[in-house]
Amino acid sequence: MEETPHRYSKDISFYISEDGETQKPEGTVHKKITKAKGINNKTLFKGMNITTEFEYFYLNVSQEKLNDTLLHKHQYRTLLNNDLKCNGKNVFLLVFVHVASHKFLRRHLIRSTYGSISEFENQHIEYIFVLGQTSNITVQREINDESRKYKDIVQGNFVDSYRNLTYKLVFSMFWVNSYCSRAKYVVKVDDDIIINIPF
């Protein structure tokens, strides 16, 4: 198969009929996705079959469109990253916990309660705490130490505040897609939620 610089191309047509002759019904608009040269129907992206137009869009979108502030008002980066959390593991359930940067005790309580359960019926469970930025240097230093000790903290480049919870959620999804995309199930919880995991 010969190399191709692009992965998929989009062909927008107003109507695709089964027999190629039927006229389009009034007011009907359809999108047709066509393969680029050298690509087969079972193209994989990060090990997963591409099936939706949304995924096609992200595979084909130009850099200019991807940086469009109406699409992405925030360019996400990880300040602390435990990217090996799922590496080489068959993760059945990934639990990512939204917690404020300064809530050390909440994280400790979760680790010592339901967060201590790593197996259920021979299925592996992982936990990640998702934090935003803090301007407090002392708090950040303690978070760095905590991350080195427990290896379960991911910190994004947005201010950790109630108004930025949407940023935190989208950042979490980007992280899961990049570093734990093979997890069978993903659960998002807040730090004031208890999960009943039988053991």
Protein backbone atom coordinates (compact mmCIF):
# COMPACT_ATOMS: atom_id res chain seq x y z
CA MET A 1 0.00 0.00 0.00
CA GLU A 2 1.51 3.35 -0.95
CA GLU A 3 1.98 6.18 1.53
CA THR A 4 -0.43 9.07 1.58
CA PRO A 5 0.09 12.42 3.33
CA HIS A 6 -3.55 12.68 4.36
CA ARG A 7 -5.76 10.11 6.03
CA TYR A 8 -9.30 10.84 4.95
CA SER A 9 -10.94 13.33 2.66
CA LYS A 10 -14.47 14.64 2.98
CA ASP A 11 -16.73 14.89 -0.04
CA ILE A 12 -19.82 16.95 0.72
CA SER A 13 -22.70 16.15 -1.56
CA PHE A 14 -26.32 17.15 -1.29
CA TYR A 15 -27.82 13.70 -1.80
CA ILE A 16 -26.50 10.23 -2.40
CA SER A 17 -29.10 7.94 -3.96
CA GLU A 18 -28.93 4.14 -3.92
CA ASP A 19 -29.25 3.74 -7.71
CA GLY A 20 -27.35 6.88 -8.70
CA GLU A 21 -30.31 8.21 -10.68
CA THR A 22 -33.04 9.14 -8.18
CA GLN A 23 -33.36 12.88 -7.67
CA LYS A 24 -32.80 14.19 -4.18
CA PRO A 25 -35.87 14.95 -2.09
CA GLU A 26 -36.47 18.67 -1.52
CA GLY A 27 -34.45 20.13 1.35
CA THR A 28 -32.35 17.01 1.99
CA VAL A 29 -28.68 17.44 2.78
CA HIS A 30 -26.37 14.47 3.31
CA LYS A 31 -22.67 14.20 3.99
CA LYS A 32 -20.64 11.56 2.23
CA ILE A 33 -17.35 10.44 3.71
CA THR A 34 -14.92 9.09 1.14
CA LYS A 35 -11.61 7.36 1.70
CA ALA A 36 -8.34 8.98 0.74
CA LYS A 37 -5.98 7.07 -1.54
CA GLY A 38 -4.34 4.06 0.10
CA ILE A 39 -6.68 3.82 3.10
CA ASN A 40 -8.78 0.76 3.78
CA ASN A 41 -12.18 0.60 5.45
CA LYS A 42 -10.79 -0.58 8.78
CA THR A 43 -8.36 2.26 9.40
CA LEU A 44 -7.33 2.39 13.04
CA PHE A 45 -6.76 5.54 15.06
CA LYS A 46 -4.91 4.91 18.33
CA GLY A 47 -5.91 1.28 18.03
CA MET A 48 -9.64 1.94 17.63
CA ASN A 49 -11.86 1.72 14.56
CA ILE A 50 -12.99 5.10 13.30
CA THR A 51 -16.74 5.09 12.95
CA THR A 52 -18.25 8.52 13.50
CA GLU A 53 -18.21 11.75 11.54
CA PHE A 54 -16.95 13.46 14.68
CA GLU A 55 -13.84 11.29 14.62
CA TYR A 56 -13.45 11.82 10.88
CA PHE A 57 -13.57 15.56 11.49
CA TYR A 58 -10.73 15.41 14.01
CA LEU A 59 -8.61 13.25 11.74
CA ASN A 60 -8.99 15.63 8.82
CA VAL A 61 -9.34 19.03 10.41
CA SER A 62 -6.75 21.63 9.41
CA GLN A 63 -4.43 23.08 12.04
CA GLU A 64 -6.11 26.46 11.54
CA LYS A 65 -9.56 25.02 12.24
CA LEU A 66 -8.28 23.00 15.18
CA ASN A 67 -6.95 26.20 16.76
CA ASP A 68 -10.20 28.05 16.14
CA THR A 69 -11.07 29.69 19.48
CA LEU A 70 -14.74 28.94 18.92
CA LEU A 71 -13.92 25.22 18.85
CA HIS A 72 -11.20 25.22 21.50
CA LYS A 73 -11.03 28.25 23.74
CA HIS A 74 -8.33 26.54 25.73
CA GLN A 75 -5.23 24.70 24.51
CA TYR A 76 -4.79 21.91 27.06
CA ARG A 77 -1.42 20.90 28.46
CA THR A 78 -0.51 18.67 31.38
CA LEU A 79 1.55 20.28 34.12
CA LEU A 80 1.75 17.01 36.09
CA ASN A 81 1.21 13.78 34.24
CA ASN A 82 1.25 10.18 35.38
CA ASP A 83 1.03 8.93 31.83
CA LEU A 84 2.13 5.38 32.70
CA LYS A 85 -0.94 4.81 34.91
CA CYS A 86 -2.58 2.51 32.35
CA ASN A 87 0.52 1.51 30.43
CA GLY A 88 0.72 -2.23 29.85
CA LYS A 89 -2.35 -2.89 32.03
CA ASN A 90 -5.67 -4.37 31.02
CA VAL A 91 -7.80 -1.66 32.72
CA PHE A 92 -11.41 -2.68 33.22
CA LEU A 93 -12.49 0.50 35.03
CA LEU A 94 -10.80 3.91 35.14
CA VAL A 95 -12.17 6.29 37.78
CA PHE A 96 -11.15 9.91 37.38
CA VAL A 97 -11.90 12.10 40.38
CA HIS A 98 -12.38 15.85 40.06
CA VAL A 99 -10.91 17.47 43.14
CA ALA A 100 -9.66 20.95 44.00
CA SER A 101 -5.89 21.38 44.17
CA HIS A 102 -5.76 22.21 47.88
CA LYS A 103 -7.97 19.27 49.04
CA PHE A 104 -5.21 16.94 50.17
CA LEU A 105 -7.36 15.30 52.87
CA ARG A 106 -10.14 14.43 50.38
CA ARG A 107 -7.63 12.68 48.13
CA HIS A 108 -6.18 10.82 51.12
CA LEU A 109 -9.66 9.65 52.22
CA ILE A 110 -10.48 8.37 48.74
CA ARG A 111 -7.17 6.50 48.53
CA SER A 112 -7.83 4.87 51.91
CA THR A 113 -11.47 3.91 51.16
CA TYR A 114 -12.90 2.92 47.78
CA GLY A 115 -9.74 4.10 45.98
CA SER A 116 -7.80 1.28 47.64
CA ILE A 117 -9.77 -1.34 45.70
CA SER A 118 -7.73 -2.19 42.61
CA GLU A 119 -9.32 -5.52 41.63
CA PHE A 120 -12.92 -6.72 41.34
CA GLU A 121 -13.65 -10.25 40.11
CA ASN A 122 -10.16 -10.35 38.55
CA GLN A 123 -10.79 -7.06 36.73
CA HIS A 124 -8.30 -4.22 37.14
CA ILE A 125 -9.35 -0.76 38.44
CA GLU A 126 -7.28 2.45 38.25
CA TYR A 127 -7.88 5.88 39.81
CA ILE A 128 -6.73 9.32 38.71
CA PHE A 129 -7.18 12.65 40.51
CA VAL A 130 -7.68 15.55 38.10
CA LEU A 131 -6.53 18.97 39.29
CA GLY A 132 -6.19 22.45 37.85
CA GLN A 133 -3.48 25.04 38.49
CA THR A 134 -2.91 26.79 41.79
CA SER A 135 -1.13 30.11 42.28
CA ASN A 136 -0.03 29.05 45.77
CA ILE A 137 3.61 27.95 45.50
CA THR A 138 3.50 26.01 48.78
CA VAL A 139 0.40 24.07 47.74
CA GLN A 140 1.96 23.32 44.35
CA ARG A 141 5.11 22.01 45.99
CA GLU A 142 3.01 19.68 48.17
CA ILE A 143 1.04 18.51 45.12
CA ASN A 144 4.33 17.73 43.34
CA ASP A 145 5.45 15.63 46.34
CA GLU A 146 2.05 13.89 46.50
CA SER A 147 2.21 13.09 42.79
CA ARG A 148 5.69 11.59 43.12
CA LYS A 149 4.53 9.48 46.08
CA TYR A 150 1.21 8.14 44.78
CA LYS A 151 1.57 8.54 40.99
CA ASP A 152 -2.17 9.19 40.59
CA ILE A 153 -2.39 12.95 39.92
CA VAL A 154 -2.93 14.69 36.61
CA GLN A 155 -2.83 18.49 36.58
CA GLY A 156 -4.01 20.68 33.73
CA ASN A 157 -3.02 24.22 32.70
CA PHE A 158 -6.21 25.99 33.78
CA VAL A 159 -7.09 27.74 37.02
CA ASP A 160 -8.69 25.28 39.43
CA SER A 161 -12.02 26.97 40.08
CA TYR A 162 -15.72 26.20 40.00
CA ARG A 163 -16.12 28.26 36.82
CA ASN A 164 -13.54 26.06 35.07
CA LEU A 165 -15.18 22.68 35.76
CA THR A 166 -15.97 22.36 32.05
CA TYR A 167 -12.25 22.80 31.26
CA LYS A 168 -11.46 20.14 33.85
CA LEU A 169 -13.91 17.67 32.30
CA VAL A 170 -12.71 18.23 28.72
CA PHE A 171 -9.08 18.02 29.88
CA SER A 172 -9.92 14.71 31.62
CA MET A 173 -11.40 13.31 28.43
CA PHE A 174 -8.34 14.36 26.42
CA TRP A 175 -6.13 12.64 29.02
CA VAL A 176 -8.17 9.43 28.95
CA ASN A 177 -8.10 9.40 25.14
CA SER A 178 -4.33 9.92 25.08
CA TYR A 179 -3.16 7.73 27.96
CA CYS A 180 -5.90 5.25 28.90
CA SER A 181 -7.99 4.82 25.77
CA ARG A 182 -8.18 1.04 26.12
CA ALA A 183 -10.00 1.14 29.47
CA LYS A 184 -13.27 -0.73 29.09
CA TYR A 185 -15.24 1.67 31.32
CA VAL A 186 -14.53 5.22 32.49
CA VAL A 187 -16.29 6.81 35.46
CA LYS A 188 -16.08 10.48 36.43
CA VAL A 189 -16.75 11.34 40.07
CA ASP A 190 -16.39 14.39 42.29
CA ASP A 191 -14.46 14.30 45.54
CA ASP A 192 -17.66 14.32 47.62
CA ILE A 193 -19.00 11.14 45.98
CA ILE A 194 -18.53 7.62 47.32
CA ILE A 195 -18.58 4.72 44.87
CA ASN A 196 -19.88 1.41 46.18
CA ILE A 197 -17.36 -1.05 44.73
CA PRO A 198 -18.05 -4.55 46.10
CA PHE A 199 -15.01 -6.43 47.35
